[in-house]
Amino acid sequence: MALQEFAPIGALILLAVLVAFIVVTISSLFGPSRPSERKAAPYESGMKPIGPANRRLPVKFYLIAVLFIIFDVEAIFFLPWAVELRDLGMYGLLVMGVFLIILTIGFIYEWKKGAMEWE
């Protein structure tokens, strides 16, 4: 009986998959297709690629991604907390303090690793 509540969601997912399948099928049937060697070649900023495609990336990219996640998580949780702060009272303030301490630890880790130093 509880599964009947999820029927509209299942119908929506089924409809989305069906529409996507129909669009891709129609596009492949009626769309222009003129394959060539030049189109199949890898594209790298208008230049011929140099070296293998699976090169190792510098750690700097990982550090910037972690920094983005820290700020993103912070922004996502601050707005609802700020809206409900009066209802949460001192407990909400303490929990957000612990949350900020955890994010600050991540921020300090990033700083020590050199993610803030731009070259």
PDB file of N, CA and C in Angstrom:
ATOM      1  N   MET A   1       0.821  -1.194   0.000  1.00  0.00           N
ATOM      2  CA  MET A   1       0.000   0.000   0.000  1.00  0.00           C
ATOM      3  C   MET A   1       0.869   1.264   0.000  1.00  0.00           C
ATOM      4  N   ALA A   2       2.009   1.209   0.670  1.00  0.00           N
ATOM      5  CA  ALA A   2       2.887   2.372   0.704  1.00  0.00           C
ATOM      6  C   ALA A   2       3.558   2.611  -0.647  1.00  0.00           C
ATOM      7  N   LEU A   3       3.684   1.562  -1.449  1.00  0.00           N
ATOM      8  CA  LEU A   3       4.313   1.719  -2.760  1.00  0.00           C
ATOM      9  C   LEU A   3       3.443   2.519  -3.725  1.00  0.00           C
ATOM     10  N   GLN A   4       2.149   2.594  -3.489  1.00  0.00           N
ATOM     11  CA  GLN A   4       1.266   3.365  -4.367  1.00  0.00           C
ATOM     12  C   GLN A   4       1.586   4.855  -4.316  1.00  0.00           C
ATOM     13  N   GLU A   5       2.173   5.304  -3.221  1.00  0.00           N
ATOM     14  CA  GLU A   5       2.533   6.715  -3.111  1.00  0.00           C
ATOM     15  C   GLU A   5       3.677   7.063  -4.057  1.00  0.00           C
ATOM     16  N   PHE A   6       4.494   6.060  -4.402  1.00  0.00           N
ATOM     17  CA  PHE A   6       5.638   6.297  -5.280  1.00  0.00           C
ATOM     18  C   PHE A   6       5.312   6.055  -6.750  1.00  0.00           C
ATOM     19  N   ALA A   7       4.109   5.698  -7.063  1.00  0.00           N
ATOM     20  CA  ALA A   7       3.712   5.432  -8.447  1.00  0.00           C
ATOM     21  C   ALA A   7       3.905   6.649  -9.364  1.00  0.00           C
ATOM     22  N   PRO A   8       3.549   7.873  -8.949  1.00  0.00           N
ATOM     23  CA  PRO A   8       3.793   9.014  -9.843  1.00  0.00           C
ATOM     24  C   PRO A   8       5.276   9.239 -10.133  1.00  0.00           C
ATOM     25  N   ILE A   9       6.127   8.983  -9.139  1.00  0.00           N
ATOM     26  CA  ILE A   9       7.566   9.143  -9.367  1.00  0.00           C
ATOM     27  C   ILE A   9       8.051   8.096 -10.359  1.00  0.00           C
ATOM     28  N   GLY A  10       7.600   6.861 -10.190  1.00  0.00           N
ATOM     29  CA  GLY A  10       7.971   5.805 -11.133  1.00  0.00           C
ATOM     30  C   GLY A  10       7.488   6.106 -12.532  1.00  0.00           C
ATOM     31  N   ALA A  11       6.258   6.634 -12.640  1.00  0.00           N
ATOM     32  CA  ALA A  11       5.718   6.989 -13.956  1.00  0.00           C
ATOM     33  C   ALA A  11       6.541   8.108 -14.591  1.00  0.00           C
ATOM     34  N   LEU A  12       6.966   9.076 -13.785  1.00  0.00           N
ATOM     35  CA  LEU A  12       7.772  10.182 -14.300  1.00  0.00           C
ATOM     36  C   LEU A  12       9.135   9.684 -14.782  1.00  0.00           C
ATOM     37  N   ILE A  13       9.760   8.789 -14.032  1.00  0.00           N
ATOM     38  CA  ILE A  13      11.047   8.228 -14.447  1.00  0.00           C
ATOM     39  C   ILE A  13      10.886   7.435 -15.738  1.00  0.00           C
ATOM     40  N   LEU A  14       9.846   6.633 -15.812  1.00  0.00           N
ATOM     41  CA  LEU A  14       9.579   5.851 -17.017  1.00  0.00           C
ATOM     42  C   LEU A  14       9.336   6.760 -18.222  1.00  0.00           C
ATOM     43  N   LEU A  15       8.574   7.817 -18.028  1.00  0.00           N
ATOM     44  CA  LEU A  15       8.306   8.767 -19.107  1.00  0.00           C
ATOM     45  C   LEU A  15       9.592   9.460 -19.555  1.00  0.00           C
ATOM     46  N   ALA A  16      10.450   9.843 -18.610  1.00  0.00           N
ATOM     47  CA  ALA A  16      11.707  10.510 -18.953  1.00  0.00           C
ATOM     48  C   ALA A  16      12.613   9.584 -19.765  1.00  0.00           C
ATOM     49  N   VAL A  17      12.708   8.322 -19.349  1.00  0.00           N
ATOM     50  CA  VAL A  17      13.537   7.359 -20.085  1.00  0.00           C
ATOM     51  C   VAL A  17      12.963   7.128 -21.474  1.00  0.00           C
ATOM     52  N   LEU A  18      11.660   7.020 -21.584  1.00  0.00           N
ATOM     53  CA  LEU A  18      11.007   6.794 -22.868  1.00  0.00           C
ATOM     54  C   LEU A  18      11.228   7.976 -23.817  1.00  0.00           C
ATOM     55  N   VAL A  19      11.060   9.193 -23.317  1.00  0.00           N
ATOM     56  CA  VAL A  19      11.263  10.383 -24.158  1.00  0.00           C
ATOM     57  C   VAL A  19      12.723  10.469 -24.605  1.00  0.00           C
ATOM     58  N   ALA A  20      13.662  10.197 -23.695  1.00  0.00           N
ATOM     59  CA  ALA A  20      15.086  10.240 -24.059  1.00  0.00           C
ATOM     60  C   ALA A  20      15.394   9.206 -25.134  1.00  0.00           C
ATOM     61  N   PHE A  21      14.862   8.005 -24.990  1.00  0.00           N
ATOM     62  CA  PHE A  21      15.076   6.955 -25.986  1.00  0.00           C
ATOM     63  C   PHE A  21      14.497   7.361 -27.340  1.00  0.00           C
ATOM     64  N   ILE A  22      13.308   7.934 -27.335  1.00  0.00           N
ATOM     65  CA  ILE A  22      12.666   8.354 -28.586  1.00  0.00           C
ATOM     66  C   ILE A  22      13.464   9.464 -29.267  1.00  0.00           C
ATOM     67  N   VAL A  23      13.935  10.435 -28.500  1.00  0.00           N
ATOM     68  CA  VAL A  23      14.689  11.550 -29.080  1.00  0.00           C
ATOM     69  C   VAL A  23      16.000  11.064 -29.687  1.00  0.00           C
ATOM     70  N   VAL A  24      16.714  10.195 -28.980  1.00  0.00           N
ATOM     71  CA  VAL A  24      17.985   9.679 -29.504  1.00  0.00           C
ATOM     72  C   VAL A  24      17.744   8.835 -30.752  1.00  0.00           C
ATOM     73  N   THR A  25      16.706   8.031 -30.747  1.00  0.00           N
ATOM     74  CA  THR A  25      16.402   7.189 -31.906  1.00  0.00           C
ATOM     75  C   THR A  25      16.042   8.034 -33.121  1.00  0.00           C
ATOM     76  N   ILE A  26      15.171   9.008 -32.942  1.00  0.00           N
ATOM     77  CA  ILE A  26      14.781   9.876 -34.058  1.00  0.00           C
ATOM     78  C   ILE A  26      15.988  10.658 -34.573  1.00  0.00           C
ATOM     79  N   SER A  27      16.834  11.127 -33.677  1.00  0.00           N
ATOM     80  CA  SER A  27      18.015  11.876 -34.077  1.00  0.00           C
ATOM     81  C   SER A  27      18.970  11.016 -34.893  1.00  0.00           C
ATOM     82  N   SER A  28      19.158   9.776 -34.474  1.00  0.00           N
ATOM     83  CA  SER A  28      20.079   8.914 -35.228  1.00  0.00           C
ATOM     84  C   SER A  28      19.479   8.485 -36.567  1.00  0.00           C
ATOM     85  N   LEU A  29      18.165   8.370 -36.657  1.00  0.00           N
ATOM     86  CA  LEU A  29      17.534   7.969 -37.918  1.00  0.00           C
ATOM     87  C   LEU A  29      17.486   9.098 -38.931  1.00  0.00           C
ATOM     88  N   PHE A  30      17.112  10.297 -38.497  1.00  0.00           N
ATOM     89  CA  PHE A  30      16.874  11.394 -39.431  1.00  0.00           C
ATOM     90  C   PHE A  30      17.957  12.468 -39.440  1.00  0.00           C
ATOM     91  N   GLY A  31      18.878  12.427 -38.492  1.00  0.00           N
ATOM     92  CA  GLY A  31      19.927  13.441 -38.421  1.00  0.00           C
ATOM     93  C   GLY A  31      21.012  13.216 -39.453  1.00  0.00           C
ATOM     94  N   PRO A  32      21.747  14.272 -39.791  1.00  0.00           N
ATOM     95  CA  PRO A  32      22.830  14.116 -40.765  1.00  0.00           C
ATOM     96  C   PRO A  32      23.985  13.316 -40.153  1.00  0.00           C
ATOM     97  N   SER A  33      24.558  12.463 -40.971  1.00  0.00           N
ATOM     98  CA  SER A  33      25.683  11.654 -40.513  1.00  0.00           C
ATOM     99  C   SER A  33      26.703  11.571 -41.634  1.00  0.00           C
ATOM    100  N   ARG A  34      27.768  12.323 -41.516  1.00  0.00           N
ATOM    101  CA  ARG A  34      28.830  12.315 -42.504  1.00  0.00           C
ATOM    102  C   ARG A  34      30.162  12.080 -41.784  1.00  0.00           C
ATOM    103  N   PRO A  35      30.419  10.846 -41.374  1.00  0.00           N
ATOM    104  CA  PRO A  35      31.662  10.589 -40.639  1.00  0.00           C
ATOM    105  C   PRO A  35      32.884  10.758 -41.540  1.00  0.00           C
ATOM    106  N   SER A  36      33.958  11.247 -40.959  1.00  0.00           N
ATOM    107  CA  SER A  36      35.213  11.387 -41.685  1.00  0.00           C
ATOM    108  C   SER A  36      36.356  11.169 -40.690  1.00  0.00           C
ATOM    109  N   GLU A  37      37.546  11.002 -41.236  1.00  0.00           N
ATOM    110  CA  GLU A  37      38.715  10.782 -40.379  1.00  0.00           C
ATOM    111  C   GLU A  37      38.999  12.008 -39.520  1.00  0.00           C
ATOM    112  N   ARG A  38      38.789  13.171 -40.082  1.00  0.00           N
ATOM    113  CA  ARG A  38      39.050  14.404 -39.342  1.00  0.00           C
ATOM    114  C   ARG A  38      38.078  14.584 -38.177  1.00  0.00           C
ATOM    115  N   LYS A  39      36.808  14.209 -38.368  1.00  0.00           N
ATOM    116  CA  LYS A  39      35.830  14.314 -37.299  1.00  0.00           C
ATOM    117  C   LYS A  39      36.079  13.295 -36.196  1.00  0.00           C
ATOM    118  N   ALA A  40      36.634  12.144 -36.540  1.00  0.00           N
ATOM    119  CA  ALA A  40      36.886  11.094 -35.560  1.00  0.00           C
ATOM    120  C   ALA A  40      38.160  11.338 -34.756  1.00  0.00           C
ATOM    121  N   ALA A  41      38.995  12.286 -35.200  1.00  0.00           N
ATOM    122  CA  ALA A  41      40.249  12.563 -34.496  1.00  0.00           C
ATOM    123  C   ALA A  41      39.970  13.295 -33.187  1.00  0.00           C
ATOM    124  N   PRO A  42      40.807  13.085 -32.184  1.00  0.00           N
ATOM    125  CA  PRO A  42      40.612  13.807 -30.923  1.00  0.00           C
ATOM    126  C   PRO A  42      40.841  15.301 -31.111  1.00  0.00           C
ATOM    127  N   TYR A  43      40.091  16.084 -30.391  1.00  0.00           N
ATOM    128  CA  TYR A  43      40.149  17.547 -30.535  1.00  0.00           C
ATOM    129  C   TYR A  43      40.735  18.147 -29.259  1.00  0.00           C
ATOM    130  N   GLU A  44      41.740  18.978 -29.413  1.00  0.00           N
ATOM    131  CA  GLU A  44      42.375  19.604 -28.261  1.00  0.00           C
ATOM    132  C   GLU A  44      42.662  21.067 -28.588  1.00  0.00           C
ATOM    133  N   SER A  45      41.715  21.922 -28.358  1.00  0.00           N
ATOM    134  CA  SER A  45      41.869  23.367 -28.547  1.00  0.00           C
ATOM    135  C   SER A  45      42.297  23.739 -29.958  1.00  0.00           C
ATOM    136  N   GLY A  46      41.857  23.008 -30.948  1.00  0.00           N
ATOM    137  CA  GLY A  46      42.168  23.337 -32.321  1.00  0.00           C
ATOM    138  C   GLY A  46      43.548  22.898 -32.765  1.00  0.00           C
ATOM    139  N   MET A  47      44.280  22.221 -31.886  1.00  0.00           N
ATOM    140  CA  MET A  47      45.631  21.777 -32.225  1.00  0.00           C
ATOM    141  C   MET A  47      45.656  20.259 -32.298  1.00  0.00           C
ATOM    142  N   LYS A  48      46.638  19.726 -32.990  1.00  0.00           N
ATOM    143  CA  LYS A  48      46.808  18.284 -32.994  1.00  0.00           C
ATOM    144  C   LYS A  48      47.275  17.856 -31.601  1.00  0.00           C
ATOM    145  N   PRO A  49      46.684  16.789 -31.054  1.00  0.00           N
ATOM    146  CA  PRO A  49      47.077  16.363 -29.709  1.00  0.00           C
ATOM    147  C   PRO A  49      48.531  15.903 -29.649  1.00  0.00           C
ATOM    148  N   ILE A  50      49.180  16.246 -28.551  1.00  0.00           N
ATOM    149  CA  ILE A  50      50.575  15.874 -28.342  1.00  0.00           C
ATOM    150  C   ILE A  50      50.623  14.884 -27.187  1.00  0.00           C
ATOM    151  N   GLY A  51      51.151  13.738 -27.387  1.00  0.00           N
ATOM    152  CA  GLY A  51      51.301  12.751 -26.323  1.00  0.00           C
ATOM    153  C   GLY A  51      50.021  11.961 -26.092  1.00  0.00           C
ATOM    154  N   PRO A  52      50.067  11.054 -25.123  1.00  0.00           N
ATOM    155  CA  PRO A  52      48.903  10.209 -24.847  1.00  0.00           C
ATOM    156  C   PRO A  52      47.785  10.990 -24.159  1.00  0.00           C
ATOM    157  N   ALA A  53      46.576  10.489 -24.271  1.00  0.00           N
ATOM    158  CA  ALA A  53      45.420  11.172 -23.688  1.00  0.00           C
ATOM    159  C   ALA A  53      45.294  10.911 -22.195  1.00  0.00           C
ATOM    160  N   ASN A  54      45.915   9.862 -21.685  1.00  0.00           N
ATOM    161  CA  ASN A  54      45.772   9.534 -20.272  1.00  0.00           C
ATOM    162  C   ASN A  54      46.997   9.985 -19.474  1.00  0.00           C
ATOM    163  N   ARG A  55      47.261  11.290 -19.511  1.00  0.00           N
ATOM    164  CA  ARG A  55      48.372  11.856 -18.749  1.00  0.00           C
ATOM    165  C   ARG A  55      47.986  12.021 -17.291  1.00  0.00           C
ATOM    166  N   ARG A  56      48.962  12.062 -16.432  1.00  0.00           N
ATOM    167  CA  ARG A  56      48.722  12.302 -15.013  1.00  0.00           C
ATOM    168  C   ARG A  56      48.459  13.791 -14.804  1.00  0.00           C
ATOM    169  N   LEU A  57      47.446  14.101 -13.999  1.00  0.00           N
ATOM    170  CA  LEU A  57      47.126  15.488 -13.710  1.00  0.00           C
ATOM    171  C   LEU A  57      47.835  15.920 -12.442  1.00  0.00           C
ATOM    172  N   PRO A  58      48.207  17.175 -12.352  1.00  0.00           N
ATOM    173  CA  PRO A  58      48.842  17.657 -11.123  1.00  0.00           C
ATOM    174  C   PRO A  58      47.876  17.577  -9.938  1.00  0.00           C
ATOM    175  N   VAL A  59      48.426  17.476  -8.747  1.00  0.00           N
ATOM    176  CA  VAL A  59      47.627  17.391  -7.527  1.00  0.00           C
ATOM    177  C   VAL A  59      46.853  18.687  -7.300  1.00  0.00           C
ATOM    178  N   LYS A  60      47.296  19.759  -7.908  1.00  0.00           N
ATOM    179  CA  LYS A  60      46.641  21.058  -7.748  1.00  0.00           C
ATOM    180  C   LYS A  60      45.157  20.987  -8.110  1.00  0.00           C
ATOM    181  N   PHE A  61      44.806  20.206  -9.124  1.00  0.00           N
ATOM    182  CA  PHE A  61      43.406  20.088  -9.519  1.00  0.00           C
ATOM    183  C   PHE A  61      42.579  19.435  -8.420  1.00  0.00           C
ATOM    184  N   TYR A  62      43.140  18.430  -7.774  1.00  0.00           N
ATOM    185  CA  TYR A  62      42.460  17.770  -6.656  1.00  0.00           C
ATOM    186  C   TYR A  62      42.246  18.753  -5.514  1.00  0.00           C
ATOM    187  N   LEU A  63      43.249  19.548  -5.207  1.00  0.00           N
ATOM    188  CA  LEU A  63      43.137  20.501  -4.097  1.00  0.00           C
ATOM    189  C   LEU A  63      42.076  21.561  -4.377  1.00  0.00           C
ATOM    190  N   ILE A  64      42.011  22.015  -5.602  1.00  0.00           N
ATOM    191  CA  ILE A  64      41.002  23.016  -5.956  1.00  0.00           C
ATOM    192  C   ILE A  64      39.611  22.402  -5.899  1.00  0.00           C
ATOM    193  N   ALA A  65      39.477  21.137  -6.289  1.00  0.00           N
ATOM    194  CA  ALA A  65      38.177  20.459  -6.210  1.00  0.00           C
ATOM    195  C   ALA A  65      37.733  20.311  -4.760  1.00  0.00           C
ATOM    196  N   VAL A  66      38.646  19.963  -3.874  1.00  0.00           N
ATOM    197  CA  VAL A  66      38.299  19.836  -2.452  1.00  0.00           C
ATOM    198  C   VAL A  66      37.909  21.199  -1.892  1.00  0.00           C
ATOM    199  N   LEU A  67      38.620  22.230  -2.282  1.00  0.00           N
ATOM    200  CA  LEU A  67      38.292  23.580  -1.828  1.00  0.00           C
ATOM    201  C   LEU A  67      36.900  23.991  -2.304  1.00  0.00           C
ATOM    202  N   PHE A  68      36.567  23.682  -3.536  1.00  0.00           N
ATOM    203  CA  PHE A  68      35.233  23.972  -4.059  1.00  0.00           C
ATOM    204  C   PHE A  68      34.169  23.232  -3.265  1.00  0.00           C
ATOM    205  N   ILE A  69      34.425  21.964  -2.946  1.00  0.00           N
ATOM    206  CA  ILE A  69      33.448  21.189  -2.175  1.00  0.00           C
ATOM    207  C   ILE A  69      33.262  21.774  -0.786  1.00  0.00           C
ATOM    208  N   ILE A  70      34.342  22.207  -0.154  1.00  0.00           N
ATOM    209  CA  ILE A  70      34.225  22.810   1.182  1.00  0.00           C
ATOM    210  C   ILE A  70      33.323  24.036   1.129  1.00  0.00           C
ATOM    211  N   PHE A  71      33.563  24.937   0.195  1.00  0.00           N
ATOM    212  CA  PHE A  71      32.747  26.146   0.110  1.00  0.00           C
ATOM    213  C   PHE A  71      31.321  25.838  -0.341  1.00  0.00           C
ATOM    214  N   ASP A  72      31.161  24.848  -1.187  1.00  0.00           N
ATOM    215  CA  ASP A  72      29.841  24.473  -1.667  1.00  0.00           C
ATOM    216  C   ASP A  72      28.985  23.907  -0.534  1.00  0.00           C
ATOM    217  N   VAL A  73      29.555  23.004   0.244  1.00  0.00           N
ATOM    218  CA  VAL A  73      28.832  22.428   1.375  1.00  0.00           C
ATOM    219  C   VAL A  73      28.495  23.505   2.390  1.00  0.00           C
ATOM    220  N   GLU A  74      29.416  24.410   2.603  1.00  0.00           N
ATOM    221  CA  GLU A  74      29.173  25.503   3.538  1.00  0.00           C
ATOM    222  C   GLU A  74      27.998  26.363   3.080  1.00  0.00           C
ATOM    223  N   ALA A  75      27.978  26.701   1.815  1.00  0.00           N
ATOM    224  CA  ALA A  75      26.903  27.538   1.295  1.00  0.00           C
ATOM    225  C   ALA A  75      25.553  26.822   1.333  1.00  0.00           C
ATOM    226  N   ILE A  76      25.547  25.529   1.063  1.00  0.00           N
ATOM    227  CA  ILE A  76      24.293  24.772   1.046  1.00  0.00           C
ATOM    228  C   ILE A  76      23.663  24.704   2.429  1.00  0.00           C
ATOM    229  N   PHE A  77      24.474  24.555   3.460  1.00  0.00           N
ATOM    230  CA  PHE A  77      23.927  24.376   4.801  1.00  0.00           C
ATOM    231  C   PHE A  77      23.721  25.673   5.565  1.00  0.00           C
ATOM    232  N   PHE A  78      24.346  26.765   5.143  1.00  0.00           N
ATOM    233  CA  PHE A  78      24.180  28.018   5.885  1.00  0.00           C
ATOM    234  C   PHE A  78      22.815  28.657   5.705  1.00  0.00           C
ATOM    235  N   LEU A  79      22.255  28.617   4.512  1.00  0.00           N
ATOM    236  CA  LEU A  79      20.973  29.282   4.281  1.00  0.00           C
ATOM    237  C   LEU A  79      19.840  28.676   5.104  1.00  0.00           C
ATOM    238  N   PRO A  80      19.629  27.364   5.079  1.00  0.00           N
ATOM    239  CA  PRO A  80      18.544  26.812   5.918  1.00  0.00           C
ATOM    240  C   PRO A  80      18.792  27.045   7.407  1.00  0.00           C
ATOM    241  N   TRP A  81      20.048  26.978   7.814  1.00  0.00           N
ATOM    242  CA  TRP A  81      20.378  27.226   9.219  1.00  0.00           C
ATOM    243  C   TRP A  81      20.046  28.673   9.596  1.00  0.00           C
ATOM    244  N   ALA A  82      20.390  29.615   8.732  1.00  0.00           N
ATOM    245  CA  ALA A  82      20.124  31.023   9.025  1.00  0.00           C
ATOM    246  C   ALA A  82      18.624  31.308   9.083  1.00  0.00           C
ATOM    247  N   VAL A  83      17.852  30.627   8.246  1.00  0.00           N
ATOM    248  CA  VAL A  83      16.404  30.835   8.235  1.00  0.00           C
ATOM    249  C   VAL A  83      15.766  30.297   9.518  1.00  0.00           C
ATOM    250  N   GLU A  84      16.244  29.175  10.013  1.00  0.00           N
ATOM    251  CA  GLU A  84      15.651  28.521  11.180  1.00  0.00           C
ATOM    252  C   GLU A  84      16.405  28.777  12.475  1.00  0.00           C
ATOM    253  N   LEU A  85      17.315  29.734  12.502  1.00  0.00           N
ATOM    254  CA  LEU A  85      18.163  29.944  13.681  1.00  0.00           C
ATOM    255  C   LEU A  85      17.355  30.257  14.932  1.00  0.00           C
ATOM    256  N   ARG A  86      16.340  31.089  14.829  1.00  0.00           N
ATOM    257  CA  ARG A  86      15.545  31.443  16.022  1.00  0.00           C
ATOM    258  C   ARG A  86      14.819  30.238  16.598  1.00  0.00           C
ATOM    259  N   ASP A  87      14.332  29.362  15.736  1.00  0.00           N
ATOM    260  CA  ASP A  87      13.638  28.167  16.222  1.00  0.00           C
ATOM    261  C   ASP A  87      14.603  27.143  16.800  1.00  0.00           C
ATOM    262  N   LEU A  88      15.816  27.094  16.288  1.00  0.00           N
ATOM    263  CA  LEU A  88      16.792  26.117  16.760  1.00  0.00           C
ATOM    264  C   LEU A  88      17.404  26.497  18.103  1.00  0.00           C
ATOM    265  N   GLY A  89      17.531  27.771  18.333  1.00  0.00           N
ATOM    266  CA  GLY A  89      18.061  28.245  19.613  1.00  0.00           C
ATOM    267  C   GLY A  89      19.539  27.944  19.786  1.00  0.00           C
ATOM    268  N   MET A  90      19.930  27.740  21.060  1.00  0.00           N
ATOM    269  CA  MET A  90      21.332  27.524  21.393  1.00  0.00           C
ATOM    270  C   MET A  90      21.852  26.205  20.816  1.00  0.00           C
ATOM    271  N   TYR A  91      20.998  25.192  20.755  1.00  0.00           N
ATOM    272  CA  TYR A  91      21.406  23.905  20.183  1.00  0.00           C
ATOM    273  C   TYR A  91      21.827  24.069  18.724  1.00  0.00           C
ATOM    274  N   GLY A  92      21.043  24.804  17.951  1.00  0.00           N
ATOM    275  CA  GLY A  92      21.378  25.032  16.552  1.00  0.00           C
ATOM    276  C   GLY A  92      22.669  25.805  16.394  1.00  0.00           C
ATOM    277  N   LEU A  93      22.909  26.740  17.303  1.00  0.00           N
ATOM    278  CA  LEU A  93      24.150  27.517  17.254  1.00  0.00           C
ATOM    279  C   LEU A  93      25.357  26.626  17.546  1.00  0.00           C
ATOM    280  N   LEU A  94      25.236  25.742  18.517  1.00  0.00           N
ATOM    281  CA  LEU A  94      26.337  24.842  18.863  1.00  0.00           C
ATOM    282  C   LEU A  94      26.615  23.839  17.746  1.00  0.00           C
ATOM    283  N   VAL A  95      25.560  23.298  17.163  1.00  0.00           N
ATOM    284  CA  VAL A  95      25.745  22.336  16.074  1.00  0.00           C
ATOM    285  C   VAL A  95      26.408  23.014  14.883  1.00  0.00           C
ATOM    286  N   MET A  96      26.020  24.237  14.564  1.00  0.00           N
ATOM    287  CA  MET A  96      26.656  24.948  13.456  1.00  0.00           C
ATOM    288  C   MET A  96      28.101  25.289  13.801  1.00  0.00           C
ATOM    289  N   GLY A  97      28.380  25.539  15.075  1.00  0.00           N
ATOM    290  CA  GLY A  97      29.767  25.769  15.487  1.00  0.00           C
ATOM    291  C   GLY A  97      30.630  24.547  15.240  1.00  0.00           C
ATOM    292  N   VAL A  98      30.115  23.363  15.580  1.00  0.00           N
ATOM    293  CA  VAL A  98      30.853  22.121  15.313  1.00  0.00           C
ATOM    294  C   VAL A  98      31.042  21.932  13.807  1.00  0.00           C
ATOM    295  N   PHE A  99      30.010  22.222  13.043  1.00  0.00           N
ATOM    296  CA  PHE A  99      30.082  22.123  11.583  1.00  0.00           C
ATOM    297  C   PHE A  99      31.164  23.045  11.035  1.00  0.00           C
ATOM    298  N   LEU A 100      31.215  24.270  11.544  1.00  0.00           N
ATOM    299  CA  LEU A 100      32.230  25.221  11.081  1.00  0.00           C
ATOM    300  C   LEU A 100      33.634  24.782  11.481  1.00  0.00           C
ATOM    301  N   ILE A 101      33.770  24.172  12.642  1.00  0.00           N
ATOM    302  CA  ILE A 101      35.087  23.674  13.056  1.00  0.00           C
ATOM    303  C   ILE A 101      35.559  22.578  12.094  1.00  0.00           C
ATOM    304  N   ILE A 102      34.654  21.685  11.721  1.00  0.00           N
ATOM    305  CA  ILE A 102      35.011  20.617  10.776  1.00  0.00           C
ATOM    306  C   ILE A 102      35.417  21.205   9.419  1.00  0.00           C
ATOM    307  N   LEU A 103      34.652  22.194   8.938  1.00  0.00           N
ATOM    308  CA  LEU A 103      35.006  22.824   7.662  1.00  0.00           C
ATOM    309  C   LEU A 103      36.315  23.594   7.760  1.00  0.00           C
ATOM    310  N   THR A 104      36.564  24.193   8.915  1.00  0.00           N
ATOM    311  CA  THR A 104      37.810  24.931   9.109  1.00  0.00           C
ATOM    312  C   THR A 104      39.006  23.990   9.074  1.00  0.00           C
ATOM    313  N   ILE A 105      38.847  22.783   9.611  1.00  0.00           N
ATOM    314  CA  ILE A 105      39.927  21.797   9.545  1.00  0.00           C
ATOM    315  C   ILE A 105      40.243  21.470   8.083  1.00  0.00           C
ATOM    316  N   GLY A 106      39.207  21.289   7.273  1.00  0.00           N
ATOM    317  CA  GLY A 106      39.425  21.054   5.845  1.00  0.00           C
ATOM    318  C   GLY A 106      40.073  22.238   5.161  1.00  0.00           C
ATOM    319  N   PHE A 107      39.682  23.431   5.552  1.00  0.00           N
ATOM    320  CA  PHE A 107      40.263  24.644   4.974  1.00  0.00           C
ATOM    321  C   PHE A 107      41.735  24.773   5.347  1.00  0.00           C
ATOM    322  N   ILE A 108      42.075  24.462   6.599  1.00  0.00           N
ATOM    323  CA  ILE A 108      43.475  24.520   7.038  1.00  0.00           C
ATOM    324  C   ILE A 108      44.305  23.474   6.290  1.00  0.00           C
ATOM    325  N   TYR A 109      43.732  22.285   6.077  1.00  0.00           N
ATOM    326  CA  TYR A 109      44.423  21.253   5.301  1.00  0.00           C
ATOM    327  C   TYR A 109      44.740  21.766   3.902  1.00  0.00           C
ATOM    328  N   GLU A 110      43.772  22.399   3.281  1.00  0.00           N
ATOM    329  CA  GLU A 110      43.977  22.953   1.943  1.00  0.00           C
ATOM    330  C   GLU A 110      45.070  24.014   1.952  1.00  0.00           C
ATOM    331  N   TRP A 111      45.047  24.865   2.965  1.00  0.00           N
ATOM    332  CA  TRP A 111      46.020  25.942   3.063  1.00  0.00           C
ATOM    333  C   TRP A 111      47.424  25.379   3.222  1.00  0.00           C
ATOM    334  N   LYS A 112      47.581  24.358   4.073  1.00  0.00           N
ATOM    335  CA  LYS A 112      48.891  23.742   4.294  1.00  0.00           C
ATOM    336  C   LYS A 112      49.417  23.044   3.042  1.00  0.00           C
ATOM    337  N   LYS A 113      48.521  22.485   2.235  1.00  0.00           N
ATOM    338  CA  LYS A 113      48.917  21.794   1.011  1.00  0.00           C
ATOM    339  C   LYS A 113      49.253  22.762  -0.118  1.00  0.00           C
ATOM    340  N   GLY A 114      48.918  24.033   0.049  1.00  0.00           N
ATOM    341  CA  GLY A 114      49.276  25.026  -0.958  1.00  0.00           C
ATOM    342  C   GLY A 114      48.214  25.298  -1.996  1.00  0.00           C
ATOM    343  N   ALA A 115      46.967  25.000  -1.691  1.00  0.00           N
ATOM    344  CA  ALA A 115      45.903  25.241  -2.663  1.00  0.00           C
ATOM    345  C   ALA A 115      45.602  26.723  -2.831  1.00  0.00           C
ATOM    346  N   MET A 116      46.010  27.543  -1.879  1.00  0.00           N
ATOM    347  CA  MET A 116      45.722  28.980  -1.953  1.00  0.00           C
ATOM    348  C   MET A 116      46.797  29.754  -2.687  1.00  0.00           C
ATOM    349  N   GLU A 117      47.889  29.108  -3.040  1.00  0.00           N
ATOM    350  CA  GLU A 117      48.997  29.786  -3.706  1.00  0.00           C
ATOM    351  C   GLU A 117      48.813  29.699  -5.219  1.00  0.00           C
ATOM    352  N   TRP A 118      48.569  30.825  -5.848  1.00  0.00           N
ATOM    353  CA  TRP A 118      48.344  30.859  -7.295  1.00  0.00           C
ATOM    354  C   TRP A 118      49.660  31.183  -7.979  1.00  0.00           C
ATOM    355  N   GLU A 119      49.892  30.554  -9.098  1.00  0.00           N
ATOM    356  CA  GLU A 119      51.154  30.742  -9.820  1.00  0.00           C
ATOM    357  C   GLU A 119      50.951  31.556 -11.064  1.00  0.00           C
TER     358      GLU A 119
END
